[in-house]
Amino acid sequence: MPSLLLLGAHSDIGRACAQQFAAAGFDLFLTRRRVDPNDEQEAQQLKAQYNIDLQYLSFDALNTSAHQALLQELEATPDVVLVTLGYLGDADLARISQEESQQILASNFTGLIPLLDQLAYRMQERQSGSIIGISSPAGERGRASNYHYGAAKAGLTTYLSGLRQYSRPYGVVVTTIIPGFVRTKMLGDLHTPAFLTASPQQVAKATFRAYQNRRSVVYTLSLWRPIMWMIRHLPEPLFQRLHL
């Protein structure tokens, strides 16, 4: 059976992706900072429903020294690595709190790279595998409302782009998923336009299709592509006057 390592299984998108890949017959390695009884109950349901193996592993993006322990727990390099981990954080607090800004950067970017580097190297040696990262339109141009989060997602998007180019000759596919707004706990009470807001299940289906079709960059809702093209190409003096 193929296997999936999911970084960020606690998120709404992570749960939907776990369901999607389990339904396709993937054995699952799901990472959490802490495993609670609800996780075990959900795991048992997935195992029984889809006749797969499922294992929880400890992973904390803020503790890069523990990455090697995670790699040692894996019996073999998974066929697919999927990053759904994300932390929007408190943008106002991040401006004055080094701890908050570092948590945003580490959860979305810097805390992921050491592990992804090692997994990518193993896939390149094997000459097969897929790495999929959930990024964000916020990473395509810095905005006043969330520039720490945007900077982290920009870093992730650029990293995946470079890794994709490097890994191609080795038969390793690297995919960037850009969902836009998603109805998750992370959005909280934020009201977003319905036509620009996807469900976690839509993101999961788009992610699995992207894996099947070996896609490079996928916008979950296609309307985001022209919107972000326009935002990227706005002249800087005009962009600075916008409230985004």
C-alpha atoms as a PDB file:
ATOM      1  CA  MET A   1       0.000   0.000   0.000  1.00  0.00           C
ATOM      2  CA  PRO A   2       1.199   3.569  -0.642  1.00  0.00           C
ATOM      3  CA  SER A   3       1.826   5.712   2.413  1.00  0.00           C
ATOM      4  CA  LEU A   4       1.218   9.334   3.362  1.00  0.00           C
ATOM      5  CA  LEU A   5       3.026  11.392   5.993  1.00  0.00           C
ATOM      6  CA  LEU A   6       0.722  14.238   6.982  1.00  0.00           C
ATOM      7  CA  LEU A   7       2.264  17.180   8.833  1.00  0.00           C
ATOM      8  CA  GLY A   8      -0.597  19.021  10.493  1.00  0.00           C
ATOM      9  CA  ALA A   9      -3.202  16.301  10.989  1.00  0.00           C
ATOM     10  CA  HIS A  10      -4.945  18.364  13.662  1.00  0.00           C
ATOM     11  CA  SER A  11      -6.113  21.035  11.201  1.00  0.00           C
ATOM     12  CA  ASP A  12      -9.487  20.940   9.453  1.00  0.00           C
ATOM     13  CA  ILE A  13      -7.719  20.678   6.087  1.00  0.00           C
ATOM     14  CA  GLY A  14      -5.456  17.965   7.494  1.00  0.00           C
ATOM     15  CA  ARG A  15      -8.411  15.893   8.681  1.00  0.00           C
ATOM     16  CA  ALA A  16     -10.138  16.207   5.302  1.00  0.00           C
ATOM     17  CA  CYS A  17      -6.942  15.218   3.475  1.00  0.00           C
ATOM     18  CA  ALA A  18      -6.443  12.216   5.767  1.00  0.00           C
ATOM     19  CA  GLN A  19      -9.955  11.059   4.891  1.00  0.00           C
ATOM     20  CA  GLN A  20      -9.343  11.589   1.170  1.00  0.00           C
ATOM     21  CA  PHE A  21      -6.067   9.658   1.047  1.00  0.00           C
ATOM     22  CA  ALA A  22      -7.373   6.911   3.351  1.00  0.00           C
ATOM     23  CA  ALA A  23     -10.298   6.402   0.964  1.00  0.00           C
ATOM     24  CA  ALA A  24      -7.740   5.894  -1.820  1.00  0.00           C
ATOM     25  CA  GLY A  25      -6.026   3.137   0.171  1.00  0.00           C
ATOM     26  CA  PHE A  26      -3.081   5.024   1.655  1.00  0.00           C
ATOM     27  CA  ASP A  27      -1.565   3.980   4.958  1.00  0.00           C
ATOM     28  CA  LEU A  28      -1.332   7.091   7.117  1.00  0.00           C
ATOM     29  CA  PHE A  29       1.325   8.592   9.354  1.00  0.00           C
ATOM     30  CA  LEU A  30      -0.388  11.502  11.079  1.00  0.00           C
ATOM     31  CA  THR A  31       1.629  13.991  13.091  1.00  0.00           C
ATOM     32  CA  ARG A  32       0.429  15.936  16.096  1.00  0.00           C
ATOM     33  CA  ARG A  33       2.108  17.919  18.820  1.00  0.00           C
ATOM     34  CA  ARG A  34      -0.044  16.010  21.300  1.00  0.00           C
ATOM     35  CA  VAL A  35      -2.387  13.069  20.735  1.00  0.00           C
ATOM     36  CA  ASP A  36      -5.693  13.139  22.618  1.00  0.00           C
ATOM     37  CA  PRO A  37      -8.431  10.466  23.013  1.00  0.00           C
ATOM     38  CA  ASN A  38     -10.497  11.958  20.177  1.00  0.00           C
ATOM     39  CA  ASP A  39      -7.565  11.374  17.831  1.00  0.00           C
ATOM     40  CA  GLU A  40      -7.453   7.698  18.730  1.00  0.00           C
ATOM     41  CA  GLN A  41     -11.186   7.324  18.174  1.00  0.00           C
ATOM     42  CA  GLU A  42     -10.942   9.006  14.772  1.00  0.00           C
ATOM     43  CA  ALA A  43      -7.965   6.799  13.888  1.00  0.00           C
ATOM     44  CA  GLN A  44      -9.850   3.635  14.719  1.00  0.00           C
ATOM     45  CA  GLN A  45     -12.756   4.737  12.524  1.00  0.00           C
ATOM     46  CA  LEU A  46     -10.467   5.401   9.540  1.00  0.00           C
ATOM     47  CA  LYS A  47      -8.643   2.084   9.991  1.00  0.00           C
ATOM     48  CA  ALA A  48     -11.887   0.127  10.184  1.00  0.00           C
ATOM     49  CA  GLN A  49     -13.624   1.971   7.370  1.00  0.00           C
ATOM     50  CA  TYR A  50     -10.805   1.786   4.821  1.00  0.00           C
ATOM     51  CA  ASN A  51      -8.764  -1.214   6.048  1.00  0.00           C
ATOM     52  CA  ILE A  52      -5.546   0.781   6.292  1.00  0.00           C
ATOM     53  CA  ASP A  53      -2.710   1.102   8.762  1.00  0.00           C
ATOM     54  CA  LEU A  54      -2.575   4.349  10.719  1.00  0.00           C
ATOM     55  CA  GLN A  55       0.017   5.624  13.132  1.00  0.00           C
ATOM     56  CA  TYR A  56       0.314   8.869  15.084  1.00  0.00           C
ATOM     57  CA  LEU A  57       3.755  10.460  15.345  1.00  0.00           C
ATOM     58  CA  SER A  58       4.909  13.392  17.422  1.00  0.00           C
ATOM     59  CA  PHE A  59       5.928  16.504  15.478  1.00  0.00           C
ATOM     60  CA  ASP A  60       6.433  20.057  16.678  1.00  0.00           C
ATOM     61  CA  ALA A  61       7.545  22.557  14.045  1.00  0.00           C
ATOM     62  CA  LEU A  62       8.920  24.761  16.829  1.00  0.00           C
ATOM     63  CA  ASN A  63      11.314  22.028  17.954  1.00  0.00           C
ATOM     64  CA  THR A  64      13.551  21.268  14.979  1.00  0.00           C
ATOM     65  CA  SER A  65      15.942  19.257  17.165  1.00  0.00           C
ATOM     66  CA  ALA A  66      13.263  16.541  17.377  1.00  0.00           C
ATOM     67  CA  HIS A  67      12.962  16.063  13.601  1.00  0.00           C
ATOM     68  CA  GLN A  68      15.499  13.256  13.557  1.00  0.00           C
ATOM     69  CA  ALA A  69      13.411  11.299  16.053  1.00  0.00           C
ATOM     70  CA  LEU A  70      10.424  11.522  13.717  1.00  0.00           C
ATOM     71  CA  LEU A  71      12.482  10.240  10.798  1.00  0.00           C
ATOM     72  CA  GLN A  72      13.682   7.319  12.890  1.00  0.00           C
ATOM     73  CA  GLU A  73      10.076   6.379  13.711  1.00  0.00           C
ATOM     74  CA  LEU A  74       9.295   6.001  10.014  1.00  0.00           C
ATOM     75  CA  GLU A  75      10.114   2.495   8.851  1.00  0.00           C
ATOM     76  CA  ALA A  76      10.539   3.746   5.292  1.00  0.00           C
ATOM     77  CA  THR A  77      10.307   7.042   3.459  1.00  0.00           C
ATOM     78  CA  PRO A  78       6.616   7.655   2.694  1.00  0.00           C
ATOM     79  CA  ASP A  79       5.361   7.864  -0.875  1.00  0.00           C
ATOM     80  CA  VAL A  80       3.707  11.234  -0.216  1.00  0.00           C
ATOM     81  CA  VAL A  81       4.510  13.991   2.266  1.00  0.00           C
ATOM     82  CA  LEU A  82       1.715  16.507   2.725  1.00  0.00           C
ATOM     83  CA  VAL A  83       2.086  19.716   4.734  1.00  0.00           C
ATOM     84  CA  THR A  84      -1.207  21.097   6.013  1.00  0.00           C
ATOM     85  CA  LEU A  85       0.299  22.694   9.099  1.00  0.00           C
ATOM     86  CA  GLY A  86      -0.455  26.382   9.436  1.00  0.00           C
ATOM     87  CA  TYR A  87      -0.751  29.069  12.075  1.00  0.00           C
ATOM     88  CA  LEU A  88      -2.353  32.408  11.241  1.00  0.00           C
ATOM     89  CA  GLY A  89      -1.452  33.896  14.594  1.00  0.00           C
ATOM     90  CA  ASP A  90      -2.258  37.332  15.948  1.00  0.00           C
ATOM     91  CA  ALA A  91      -0.992  39.926  13.472  1.00  0.00           C
ATOM     92  CA  ASP A  92      -1.217  42.807  15.959  1.00  0.00           C
ATOM     93  CA  LEU A  93       0.621  40.856  18.643  1.00  0.00           C
ATOM     94  CA  ALA A  94       3.288  39.706  16.177  1.00  0.00           C
ATOM     95  CA  ARG A  95       4.266  43.324  15.538  1.00  0.00           C
ATOM     96  CA  ILE A  96       5.380  43.743  19.147  1.00  0.00           C
ATOM     97  CA  SER A  97       6.013  40.171  20.317  1.00  0.00           C
ATOM     98  CA  GLN A  98       9.067  38.310  19.128  1.00  0.00           C
ATOM     99  CA  GLU A  99       7.600  35.068  20.475  1.00  0.00           C
ATOM    100  CA  GLU A 100       4.426  35.425  18.400  1.00  0.00           C
ATOM    101  CA  SER A 101       6.229  36.424  15.214  1.00  0.00           C
ATOM    102  CA  GLN A 102       8.649  33.522  15.576  1.00  0.00           C
ATOM    103  CA  GLN A 103       5.780  31.091  16.114  1.00  0.00           C
ATOM    104  CA  ILE A 104       4.097  32.289  12.923  1.00  0.00           C
ATOM    105  CA  LEU A 105       7.325  31.972  10.932  1.00  0.00           C
ATOM    106  CA  ALA A 106       8.280  28.582  12.376  1.00  0.00           C
ATOM    107  CA  SER A 107       4.830  27.001  12.097  1.00  0.00           C
ATOM    108  CA  ASN A 108       4.401  27.984   8.466  1.00  0.00           C
ATOM    109  CA  PHE A 109       7.947  27.888   7.128  1.00  0.00           C
ATOM    110  CA  THR A 110      11.231  27.718   9.036  1.00  0.00           C
ATOM    111  CA  GLY A 111      10.213  24.843  11.310  1.00  0.00           C
ATOM    112  CA  LEU A 112       9.221  22.700   8.329  1.00  0.00           C
ATOM    113  CA  ILE A 113      12.263  23.070   6.090  1.00  0.00           C
ATOM    114  CA  PRO A 114      14.829  20.915   7.934  1.00  0.00           C
ATOM    115  CA  LEU A 115      12.457  17.945   7.889  1.00  0.00           C
ATOM    116  CA  LEU A 116      11.346  18.480   4.285  1.00  0.00           C
ATOM    117  CA  ASP A 117      14.970  18.714   3.189  1.00  0.00           C
ATOM    118  CA  GLN A 118      15.730  15.290   4.638  1.00  0.00           C
ATOM    119  CA  LEU A 119      12.583  13.697   3.261  1.00  0.00           C
ATOM    120  CA  ALA A 120      13.219  15.209  -0.179  1.00  0.00           C
ATOM    121  CA  TYR A 121      16.785  13.855  -0.159  1.00  0.00           C
ATOM    122  CA  ARG A 122      15.532  10.348   0.619  1.00  0.00           C
ATOM    123  CA  MET A 123      12.950  10.556  -2.163  1.00  0.00           C
ATOM    124  CA  GLN A 124      15.571  11.794  -4.600  1.00  0.00           C
ATOM    125  CA  GLU A 125      17.797   8.837  -3.723  1.00  0.00           C
ATOM    126  CA  ARG A 126      14.842   6.493  -4.292  1.00  0.00           C
ATOM    127  CA  GLN A 127      13.885   8.467  -7.434  1.00  0.00           C
ATOM    128  CA  SER A 128      10.197   8.599  -6.583  1.00  0.00           C
ATOM    129  CA  GLY A 129       7.806  10.402  -4.298  1.00  0.00           C
ATOM    130  CA  SER A 130       5.629  13.475  -3.918  1.00  0.00           C
ATOM    131  CA  ILE A 131       5.881  16.465  -1.606  1.00  0.00           C
ATOM    132  CA  ILE A 132       2.786  18.654  -1.355  1.00  0.00           C
ATOM    133  CA  GLY A 133       2.594  21.919   0.561  1.00  0.00           C
ATOM    134  CA  ILE A 134      -0.480  23.973   1.402  1.00  0.00           C
ATOM    135  CA  SER A 135       0.513  27.607   0.930  1.00  0.00           C
ATOM    136  CA  SER A 136      -1.621  30.751   0.613  1.00  0.00           C
ATOM    137  CA  PRO A 137      -2.354  33.772  -1.594  1.00  0.00           C
ATOM    138  CA  ALA A 138      -1.013  35.754   1.383  1.00  0.00           C
ATOM    139  CA  GLY A 139       2.446  34.652   0.276  1.00  0.00           C
ATOM    140  CA  GLU A 140       2.217  36.262  -3.136  1.00  0.00           C
ATOM    141  CA  ARG A 141       2.468  39.879  -1.963  1.00  0.00           C
ATOM    142  CA  GLY A 142       2.987  41.308   1.488  1.00  0.00           C
ATOM    143  CA  ARG A 143      -0.085  42.963   2.962  1.00  0.00           C
ATOM    144  CA  ALA A 144      -0.444  45.210   5.999  1.00  0.00           C
ATOM    145  CA  SER A 145      -3.020  42.947   7.642  1.00  0.00           C
ATOM    146  CA  ASN A 146      -0.820  39.861   8.012  1.00  0.00           C
ATOM    147  CA  TYR A 147       2.711  40.414   6.754  1.00  0.00           C
ATOM    148  CA  HIS A 148       4.360  37.951   9.152  1.00  0.00           C
ATOM    149  CA  TYR A 149       2.039  35.166   7.997  1.00  0.00           C
ATOM    150  CA  GLY A 150       2.425  36.323   4.398  1.00  0.00           C
ATOM    151  CA  ALA A 151       6.212  36.320   4.682  1.00  0.00           C
ATOM    152  CA  ALA A 152       6.172  32.754   6.021  1.00  0.00           C
ATOM    153  CA  LYS A 153       3.884  31.539   3.241  1.00  0.00           C
ATOM    154  CA  ALA A 154       5.988  33.388   0.653  1.00  0.00           C
ATOM    155  CA  GLY A 155       8.988  31.512   1.976  1.00  0.00           C
ATOM    156  CA  LEU A 156       7.163  28.197   1.727  1.00  0.00           C
ATOM    157  CA  THR A 157       5.956  28.908  -1.816  1.00  0.00           C
ATOM    158  CA  THR A 158       9.449  29.887  -2.959  1.00  0.00           C
ATOM    159  CA  TYR A 159      11.031  26.890  -1.238  1.00  0.00           C
ATOM    160  CA  LEU A 160       8.593  24.500  -2.925  1.00  0.00           C
ATOM    161  CA  SER A 161       9.235  26.158  -6.291  1.00  0.00           C
ATOM    162  CA  GLY A 162      12.984  25.706  -5.979  1.00  0.00           C
ATOM    163  CA  LEU A 163      12.657  22.179  -4.619  1.00  0.00           C
ATOM    164  CA  ARG A 164      10.339  21.328  -7.518  1.00  0.00           C
ATOM    165  CA  GLN A 165      12.907  22.452 -10.072  1.00  0.00           C
ATOM    166  CA  TYR A 166      15.727  20.624  -8.301  1.00  0.00           C
ATOM    167  CA  SER A 167      13.775  17.396  -7.755  1.00  0.00           C
ATOM    168  CA  ARG A 168      12.333  17.000 -11.249  1.00  0.00           C
ATOM    169  CA  PRO A 169      15.324  15.072 -12.708  1.00  0.00           C
ATOM    170  CA  TYR A 170      15.062  12.633  -9.793  1.00  0.00           C
ATOM    171  CA  GLY A 171      11.421  11.748 -10.460  1.00  0.00           C
ATOM    172  CA  VAL A 172      10.142  13.540  -7.348  1.00  0.00           C
ATOM    173  CA  VAL A 173       7.034  15.706  -7.795  1.00  0.00           C
ATOM    174  CA  VAL A 174       6.648  18.844  -5.679  1.00  0.00           C
ATOM    175  CA  THR A 175       3.234  20.500  -5.616  1.00  0.00           C
ATOM    176  CA  THR A 176       2.060  23.829  -4.203  1.00  0.00           C
ATOM    177  CA  ILE A 177      -1.627  24.091  -3.258  1.00  0.00           C
ATOM    178  CA  ILE A 178      -3.055  27.600  -2.858  1.00  0.00           C
ATOM    179  CA  PRO A 179      -6.539  27.351  -1.347  1.00  0.00           C
ATOM    180  CA  GLY A 180      -7.375  30.977  -0.536  1.00  0.00           C
ATOM    181  CA  PHE A 181      -9.999  31.357   2.167  1.00  0.00           C
ATOM    182  CA  VAL A 182     -11.097  28.061   3.737  1.00  0.00           C
ATOM    183  CA  ARG A 183     -13.924  27.567   6.214  1.00  0.00           C
ATOM    184  CA  THR A 184     -11.817  26.353   9.127  1.00  0.00           C
ATOM    185  CA  LYS A 185     -11.228  27.092  12.794  1.00  0.00           C
ATOM    186  CA  MET A 186      -8.264  29.243  11.768  1.00  0.00           C
ATOM    187  CA  LEU A 187     -10.548  31.785  10.085  1.00  0.00           C
ATOM    188  CA  GLY A 188     -12.542  32.160  13.288  1.00  0.00           C
ATOM    189  CA  ASP A 189     -15.191  34.867  13.002  1.00  0.00           C
ATOM    190  CA  LEU A 190     -13.664  36.421   9.898  1.00  0.00           C
ATOM    191  CA  HIS A 191     -16.309  36.903   7.205  1.00  0.00           C
ATOM    192  CA  THR A 192     -15.084  36.028   3.728  1.00  0.00           C
ATOM    193  CA  PRO A 193     -16.811  36.132   0.299  1.00  0.00           C
ATOM    194  CA  ALA A 194     -18.590  32.848  -0.314  1.00  0.00           C
ATOM    195  CA  PHE A 195     -17.387  32.635  -3.937  1.00  0.00           C
ATOM    196  CA  LEU A 196     -13.769  32.873  -2.747  1.00  0.00           C
ATOM    197  CA  THR A 197     -14.104  30.489   0.201  1.00  0.00           C
ATOM    198  CA  ALA A 198     -13.558  26.741  -0.105  1.00  0.00           C
ATOM    199  CA  SER A 199     -14.441  23.957   2.282  1.00  0.00           C
ATOM    200  CA  PRO A 200     -11.742  21.674   3.734  1.00  0.00           C
ATOM    201  CA  GLN A 201     -13.223  18.863   1.647  1.00  0.00           C
ATOM    202  CA  GLN A 202     -12.778  20.899  -1.545  1.00  0.00           C
ATOM    203  CA  VAL A 203      -9.151  21.505  -0.653  1.00  0.00           C
ATOM    204  CA  ALA A 204      -8.635  17.800   0.063  1.00  0.00           C
ATOM    205  CA  LYS A 205     -10.157  16.748  -3.263  1.00  0.00           C
ATOM    206  CA  ALA A 206      -8.106  19.333  -5.176  1.00  0.00           C
ATOM    207  CA  THR A 207      -4.965  18.175  -3.357  1.00  0.00           C
ATOM    208  CA  PHE A 208      -5.549  14.528  -4.200  1.00  0.00           C
ATOM    209  CA  ARG A 209      -6.269  15.353  -7.860  1.00  0.00           C
ATOM    210  CA  ALA A 210      -3.075  17.405  -7.977  1.00  0.00           C
ATOM    211  CA  TYR A 211      -1.157  14.412  -6.611  1.00  0.00           C
ATOM    212  CA  GLN A 212      -2.729  12.068  -9.156  1.00  0.00           C
ATOM    213  CA  ASN A 213      -2.028  14.416 -12.057  1.00  0.00           C
ATOM    214  CA  ARG A 214       1.480  15.381 -10.883  1.00  0.00           C
ATOM    215  CA  ARG A 215       0.587  19.068 -10.944  1.00  0.00           C
ATOM    216  CA  SER A 216       2.995  21.844  -9.955  1.00  0.00           C
ATOM    217  CA  VAL A 217       0.808  24.714  -8.706  1.00  0.00           C
ATOM    218  CA  VAL A 218      -2.919  24.441  -8.045  1.00  0.00           C
ATOM    219  CA  TYR A 219      -5.392  27.096  -6.908  1.00  0.00           C
ATOM    220  CA  THR A 220      -8.251  25.292  -5.176  1.00  0.00           C
ATOM    221  CA  LEU A 221     -10.715  27.853  -6.525  1.00  0.00           C
ATOM    222  CA  SER A 222      -9.660  28.935 -10.007  1.00  0.00           C
ATOM    223  CA  LEU A 223     -10.861  32.517  -9.500  1.00  0.00           C
ATOM    224  CA  TRP A 224      -7.924  33.132  -7.164  1.00  0.00           C
ATOM    225  CA  ARG A 225      -5.469  32.850 -10.059  1.00  0.00           C
ATOM    226  CA  PRO A 226      -6.548  36.034 -11.955  1.00  0.00           C
ATOM    227  CA  ILE A 227      -7.153  37.883  -8.684  1.00  0.00           C
ATOM    228  CA  MET A 228      -3.615  37.223  -7.483  1.00  0.00           C
ATOM    229  CA  TRP A 229      -2.197  38.028 -10.935  1.00  0.00           C
ATOM    230  CA  MET A 230      -3.761  41.477 -10.673  1.00  0.00           C
ATOM    231  CA  ILE A 231      -2.594  41.994  -7.093  1.00  0.00           C
ATOM    232  CA  ARG A 232       0.966  40.960  -7.948  1.00  0.00           C
ATOM    233  CA  HIS A 233       1.092  43.414 -10.859  1.00  0.00           C
ATOM    234  CA  LEU A 234      -0.392  46.482  -9.182  1.00  0.00           C
ATOM    235  CA  PRO A 235       2.123  49.348  -9.156  1.00  0.00           C
ATOM    236  CA  GLU A 236       3.660  49.719  -5.694  1.00  0.00           C
ATOM    237  CA  PRO A 237       2.451  53.318  -5.090  1.00  0.00           C
ATOM    238  CA  LEU A 238      -1.127  52.209  -5.794  1.00  0.00           C
ATOM    239  CA  PHE A 239      -0.783  48.998  -3.775  1.00  0.00           C
ATOM    240  CA  GLN A 240       0.404  50.949  -0.720  1.00  0.00           C
ATOM    241  CA  ARG A 241      -2.856  52.908  -0.692  1.00  0.00           C
ATOM    242  CA  LEU A 242      -5.017  49.798  -0.517  1.00  0.00           C
ATOM    243  CA  HIS A 243      -6.357  48.419   2.753  1.00  0.00           C
ATOM    244  CA  LEU A 244      -5.529  44.744   2.477  1.00  0.00           C
END
